[in-house]
Amino acid sequence: MRAATALDAMDFRILAYLQREGRATNVEVADAVGLSPSPCLSRTKRLQALGIIRGFGVHLALAQLGDTITIFVEVTVEKHRRQDLRRFEAAAATIREVMECYNVSGGYDYLLKVVTRDTGHYRSVMDALLQADVGIRKLRSFIVLREPFIRHDYPLDHLFDV
């Protein structure tokens, strides 16, 4: 899906910098990309208005806060009508431990990323999802043993011609 408004190389430089340095001030962003502050701020606000910049946040080192487990869950639903898929998505979105939800092609319908305290907590989360009666036919779980790396910044220069 393409952005409604064409982006130029400067927009991509701003996006790339903000992905790495989300706490940067507008002046710092402007200096880094070679713009003066006023047009830099205008471009950043435009990127936000377009929905390309979804927000600014903090990436936590969850393991340093305590023990948790991350589980990837393959979900197959009974019916594939649009309203059935939306009903599942709405139910999954209400569960805070479901961190990511992808509608995928292949042997199952959804891939969820779930974070819980332990396997008992995970079981209760899945029980709640199953009890929501949203047409789940099958669940298949994969517990993450370790996270060699996680990237939070997209390789914009490799994905788009700018």
C-alpha atoms as a PDB file:
ATOM      1  CA  MET A   1       0.000   0.000   0.000  1.00  0.00           C
ATOM      2  CA  ARG A   2       1.472   3.328  -1.020  1.00  0.00           C
ATOM      3  CA  ALA A   3       1.216   6.543   0.968  1.00  0.00           C
ATOM      4  CA  ALA A   4      -1.530   8.888  -0.222  1.00  0.00           C
ATOM      5  CA  THR A   5       1.028  11.653  -0.634  1.00  0.00           C
ATOM      6  CA  ALA A   6       4.345  11.122  -2.382  1.00  0.00           C
ATOM      7  CA  LEU A   7       7.331  11.206  -0.068  1.00  0.00           C
ATOM      8  CA  ASP A   8      10.702  12.542  -1.099  1.00  0.00           C
ATOM      9  CA  ALA A   9      14.210  11.675   0.016  1.00  0.00           C
ATOM     10  CA  MET A  10      14.099  14.251   2.817  1.00  0.00           C
ATOM     11  CA  ASP A  11      10.953  12.681   4.262  1.00  0.00           C
ATOM     12  CA  PHE A  12      12.703   9.310   4.275  1.00  0.00           C
ATOM     13  CA  ARG A  13      15.780  10.813   5.984  1.00  0.00           C
ATOM     14  CA  ILE A  14      13.534  12.248   8.694  1.00  0.00           C
ATOM     15  CA  LEU A  15      11.772   8.905   9.143  1.00  0.00           C
ATOM     16  CA  ALA A  16      15.042   6.959   9.268  1.00  0.00           C
ATOM     17  CA  TYR A  17      16.495   9.320  11.866  1.00  0.00           C
ATOM     18  CA  LEU A  18      13.375   9.323  14.036  1.00  0.00           C
ATOM     19  CA  GLN A  19      13.285   5.521  14.030  1.00  0.00           C
ATOM     20  CA  ARG A  20      16.761   5.469  15.562  1.00  0.00           C
ATOM     21  CA  GLU A  21      16.456   8.584  17.708  1.00  0.00           C
ATOM     22  CA  GLY A  22      12.813   8.905  18.733  1.00  0.00           C
ATOM     23  CA  ARG A  23      13.617  11.235  21.621  1.00  0.00           C
ATOM     24  CA  ALA A  24      15.445  13.733  19.424  1.00  0.00           C
ATOM     25  CA  THR A  25      14.251  17.309  19.477  1.00  0.00           C
ATOM     26  CA  ASN A  26      13.097  18.918  16.250  1.00  0.00           C
ATOM     27  CA  VAL A  27      16.339  20.930  16.173  1.00  0.00           C
ATOM     28  CA  GLU A  28      18.383  17.726  16.452  1.00  0.00           C
ATOM     29  CA  VAL A  29      16.375  16.066  13.678  1.00  0.00           C
ATOM     30  CA  ALA A  30      16.729  19.133  11.477  1.00  0.00           C
ATOM     31  CA  ASP A  31      20.506  19.230  12.009  1.00  0.00           C
ATOM     32  CA  ALA A  32      20.830  15.503  11.323  1.00  0.00           C
ATOM     33  CA  VAL A  33      18.937  15.626   8.026  1.00  0.00           C
ATOM     34  CA  GLY A  34      20.186  19.007   6.805  1.00  0.00           C
ATOM     35  CA  LEU A  35      17.049  21.128   7.130  1.00  0.00           C
ATOM     36  CA  SER A  36      16.221  24.198   9.127  1.00  0.00           C
ATOM     37  CA  PRO A  37      13.914  23.544  12.112  1.00  0.00           C
ATOM     38  CA  SER A  38      10.708  25.083  10.732  1.00  0.00           C
ATOM     39  CA  PRO A  39      10.429  22.998   7.526  1.00  0.00           C
ATOM     40  CA  CYS A  40      11.607  19.931   9.442  1.00  0.00           C
ATOM     41  CA  LEU A  41       8.785  20.347  11.946  1.00  0.00           C
ATOM     42  CA  SER A  42       6.277  20.882   9.130  1.00  0.00           C
ATOM     43  CA  ARG A  43       7.400  17.692   7.418  1.00  0.00           C
ATOM     44  CA  THR A  44       7.314  15.706  10.652  1.00  0.00           C
ATOM     45  CA  LYS A  45       3.797  16.929  11.435  1.00  0.00           C
ATOM     46  CA  ARG A  46       2.702  16.062   7.881  1.00  0.00           C
ATOM     47  CA  LEU A  47       4.126  12.542   8.289  1.00  0.00           C
ATOM     48  CA  GLN A  48       2.160  12.226  11.527  1.00  0.00           C
ATOM     49  CA  ALA A  49      -1.030  13.541   9.898  1.00  0.00           C
ATOM     50  CA  LEU A  50      -0.631  11.010   7.082  1.00  0.00           C
ATOM     51  CA  GLY A  51      -0.433   8.225   9.668  1.00  0.00           C
ATOM     52  CA  ILE A  52       3.084   7.240   8.586  1.00  0.00           C
ATOM     53  CA  ILE A  53       4.470   8.183  11.996  1.00  0.00           C
ATOM     54  CA  ARG A  54       2.155   6.338  14.372  1.00  0.00           C
ATOM     55  CA  GLY A  55       3.677   7.669  17.540  1.00  0.00           C
ATOM     56  CA  PHE A  56       6.758   7.854  19.712  1.00  0.00           C
ATOM     57  CA  GLY A  57       7.570   5.391  22.449  1.00  0.00           C
ATOM     58  CA  VAL A  58      10.096   3.569  24.550  1.00  0.00           C
ATOM     59  CA  HIS A  59      11.528   0.120  23.813  1.00  0.00           C
ATOM     60  CA  LEU A  60      11.729  -1.800  27.074  1.00  0.00           C
ATOM     61  CA  ALA A  61      14.256  -4.469  28.030  1.00  0.00           C
ATOM     62  CA  LEU A  62      11.480  -6.631  29.446  1.00  0.00           C
ATOM     63  CA  ALA A  63      13.894  -9.269  30.775  1.00  0.00           C
ATOM     64  CA  GLN A  64      15.410  -6.677  33.092  1.00  0.00           C
ATOM     65  CA  LEU A  65      12.018  -6.086  34.705  1.00  0.00           C
ATOM     66  CA  GLY A  66      11.430  -9.738  35.557  1.00  0.00           C
ATOM     67  CA  ASP A  67      10.695 -13.137  34.120  1.00  0.00           C
ATOM     68  CA  THR A  68       8.263 -13.326  31.225  1.00  0.00           C
ATOM     69  CA  ILE A  69       7.748 -15.622  28.278  1.00  0.00           C
ATOM     70  CA  THR A  70       7.010 -14.741  24.690  1.00  0.00           C
ATOM     71  CA  ILE A  71       4.878 -17.132  22.676  1.00  0.00           C
ATOM     72  CA  PHE A  72       4.068 -17.081  18.982  1.00  0.00           C
ATOM     73  CA  VAL A  73       0.664 -18.603  18.334  1.00  0.00           C
ATOM     74  CA  GLU A  74      -0.665 -19.887  15.031  1.00  0.00           C
ATOM     75  CA  VAL A  75      -4.447 -19.553  14.960  1.00  0.00           C
ATOM     76  CA  THR A  76      -6.773 -21.236  12.492  1.00  0.00           C
ATOM     77  CA  VAL A  77     -10.377 -20.038  12.418  1.00  0.00           C
ATOM     78  CA  GLU A  78     -13.415 -22.045  11.346  1.00  0.00           C
ATOM     79  CA  LYS A  79     -14.897 -19.630   8.814  1.00  0.00           C
ATOM     80  CA  HIS A  80     -13.204 -17.129   6.543  1.00  0.00           C
ATOM     81  CA  ARG A  81     -15.981 -14.641   5.989  1.00  0.00           C
ATOM     82  CA  ARG A  82     -14.949 -11.053   6.576  1.00  0.00           C
ATOM     83  CA  GLN A  83     -17.221 -10.659   9.612  1.00  0.00           C
ATOM     84  CA  ASP A  84     -15.811 -13.838  11.187  1.00  0.00           C
ATOM     85  CA  LEU A  85     -12.232 -12.636  10.727  1.00  0.00           C
ATOM     86  CA  ARG A  86     -13.085  -9.204  12.131  1.00  0.00           C
ATOM     87  CA  ARG A  87     -14.798 -10.819  15.119  1.00  0.00           C
ATOM     88  CA  PHE A  88     -11.638 -12.796  15.921  1.00  0.00           C
ATOM     89  CA  GLU A  89      -9.462  -9.691  15.476  1.00  0.00           C
ATOM     90  CA  ALA A  90     -11.692  -7.657  17.782  1.00  0.00           C
ATOM     91  CA  ALA A  91     -11.528 -10.343  20.476  1.00  0.00           C
ATOM     92  CA  ALA A  92      -7.736 -10.671  20.184  1.00  0.00           C
ATOM     93  CA  ALA A  93      -7.358  -6.880  20.403  1.00  0.00           C
ATOM     94  CA  THR A  94      -9.060  -6.843  23.823  1.00  0.00           C
ATOM     95  CA  ILE A  95      -6.376  -9.105  25.326  1.00  0.00           C
ATOM     96  CA  ARG A  96      -3.464  -6.931  26.480  1.00  0.00           C
ATOM     97  CA  GLU A  97      -1.014  -9.825  26.445  1.00  0.00           C
ATOM     98  CA  VAL A  98      -1.521 -10.158  22.674  1.00  0.00           C
ATOM     99  CA  MET A  99       1.159  -7.746  21.511  1.00  0.00           C
ATOM    100  CA  GLU A 100       0.928  -8.303  17.748  1.00  0.00           C
ATOM    101  CA  CYS A 101      -1.619  -9.893  15.447  1.00  0.00           C
ATOM    102  CA  TYR A 102      -1.020 -10.713  11.783  1.00  0.00           C
ATOM    103  CA  ASN A 103      -3.525 -12.131   9.293  1.00  0.00           C
ATOM    104  CA  VAL A 104      -1.315 -14.411   7.189  1.00  0.00           C
ATOM    105  CA  SER A 105      -1.460 -16.729   4.214  1.00  0.00           C
ATOM    106  CA  GLY A 106      -0.456 -20.374   4.409  1.00  0.00           C
ATOM    107  CA  GLY A 107      -1.431 -23.174   6.736  1.00  0.00           C
ATOM    108  CA  TYR A 108      -3.104 -20.999   9.369  1.00  0.00           C
ATOM    109  CA  ASP A 109      -4.944 -17.677   9.478  1.00  0.00           C
ATOM    110  CA  TYR A 110      -3.293 -15.572  12.184  1.00  0.00           C
ATOM    111  CA  LEU A 111       0.058 -15.289  13.868  1.00  0.00           C
ATOM    112  CA  LEU A 112      -0.051 -13.756  17.339  1.00  0.00           C
ATOM    113  CA  LYS A 113       2.792 -12.591  19.541  1.00  0.00           C
ATOM    114  CA  VAL A 114       1.799 -13.065  23.177  1.00  0.00           C
ATOM    115  CA  VAL A 115       3.772 -12.052  26.276  1.00  0.00           C
ATOM    116  CA  THR A 116       2.871 -13.525  29.664  1.00  0.00           C
ATOM    117  CA  ARG A 117       4.389 -14.087  33.110  1.00  0.00           C
ATOM    118  CA  ASP A 118       4.599 -17.863  32.725  1.00  0.00           C
ATOM    119  CA  THR A 119       2.888 -20.835  31.085  1.00  0.00           C
ATOM    120  CA  GLY A 120      -0.004 -20.769  33.563  1.00  0.00           C
ATOM    121  CA  HIS A 121      -0.697 -17.161  32.692  1.00  0.00           C
ATOM    122  CA  TYR A 122      -0.454 -18.046  28.980  1.00  0.00           C
ATOM    123  CA  ARG A 123      -2.966 -20.874  29.469  1.00  0.00           C
ATOM    124  CA  SER A 124      -5.438 -18.478  31.114  1.00  0.00           C
ATOM    125  CA  VAL A 125      -5.007 -15.965  28.259  1.00  0.00           C
ATOM    126  CA  MET A 126      -5.692 -18.649  25.658  1.00  0.00           C
ATOM    127  CA  ASP A 127      -8.629 -19.976  27.688  1.00  0.00           C
ATOM    128  CA  ALA A 128     -10.144 -16.478  27.679  1.00  0.00           C
ATOM    129  CA  LEU A 129      -9.691 -16.221  23.920  1.00  0.00           C
ATOM    130  CA  LEU A 130     -11.262 -19.647  23.372  1.00  0.00           C
ATOM    131  CA  GLN A 131     -14.160 -18.821  25.709  1.00  0.00           C
ATOM    132  CA  ALA A 132     -14.865 -15.693  23.663  1.00  0.00           C
ATOM    133  CA  ASP A 133     -16.322 -18.121  21.100  1.00  0.00           C
ATOM    134  CA  VAL A 134     -14.888 -16.349  18.056  1.00  0.00           C
ATOM    135  CA  GLY A 135     -14.607 -19.392  15.819  1.00  0.00           C
ATOM    136  CA  ILE A 136     -11.128 -20.686  16.640  1.00  0.00           C
ATOM    137  CA  ARG A 137     -10.572 -24.148  15.184  1.00  0.00           C
ATOM    138  CA  LYS A 138      -6.936 -24.692  16.178  1.00  0.00           C
ATOM    139  CA  LEU A 139      -4.115 -23.078  18.164  1.00  0.00           C
ATOM    140  CA  ARG A 140      -0.459 -23.989  17.879  1.00  0.00           C
ATOM    141  CA  SER A 141       2.051 -22.386  20.250  1.00  0.00           C
ATOM    142  CA  PHE A 142       5.787 -21.776  20.060  1.00  0.00           C
ATOM    143  CA  ILE A 143       7.590 -20.574  23.184  1.00  0.00           C
ATOM    144  CA  VAL A 144      10.532 -18.263  22.480  1.00  0.00           C
ATOM    145  CA  LEU A 145      13.685 -19.613  24.115  1.00  0.00           C
ATOM    146  CA  ARG A 146      15.784 -16.489  23.533  1.00  0.00           C
ATOM    147  CA  GLU A 147      15.785 -13.299  21.461  1.00  0.00           C
ATOM    148  CA  PRO A 148      19.118 -12.955  19.629  1.00  0.00           C
ATOM    149  CA  PHE A 149      17.956  -9.563  18.336  1.00  0.00           C
ATOM    150  CA  ILE A 150      14.873  -7.442  17.741  1.00  0.00           C
ATOM    151  CA  ARG A 151      14.849  -4.593  15.263  1.00  0.00           C
ATOM    152  CA  HIS A 152      12.587  -1.628  15.734  1.00  0.00           C
ATOM    153  CA  ASP A 153      13.735   0.413  12.755  1.00  0.00           C
ATOM    154  CA  TYR A 154      12.749  -0.599   9.246  1.00  0.00           C
ATOM    155  CA  PRO A 155      15.516  -0.592   6.592  1.00  0.00           C
ATOM    156  CA  LEU A 156      13.846   2.190   4.612  1.00  0.00           C
ATOM    157  CA  ASP A 157      16.815   2.597   2.260  1.00  0.00           C
ATOM    158  CA  HIS A 158      16.514  -1.104   1.294  1.00  0.00           C
ATOM    159  CA  LEU A 159      12.730  -1.115   0.967  1.00  0.00           C
ATOM    160  CA  PHE A 160      12.033   2.031  -1.036  1.00  0.00           C
ATOM    161  CA  ASP A 161      13.644   3.854  -3.913  1.00  0.00           C
ATOM    162  CA  VAL A 162      14.533   7.287  -2.559  1.00  0.00           C
END
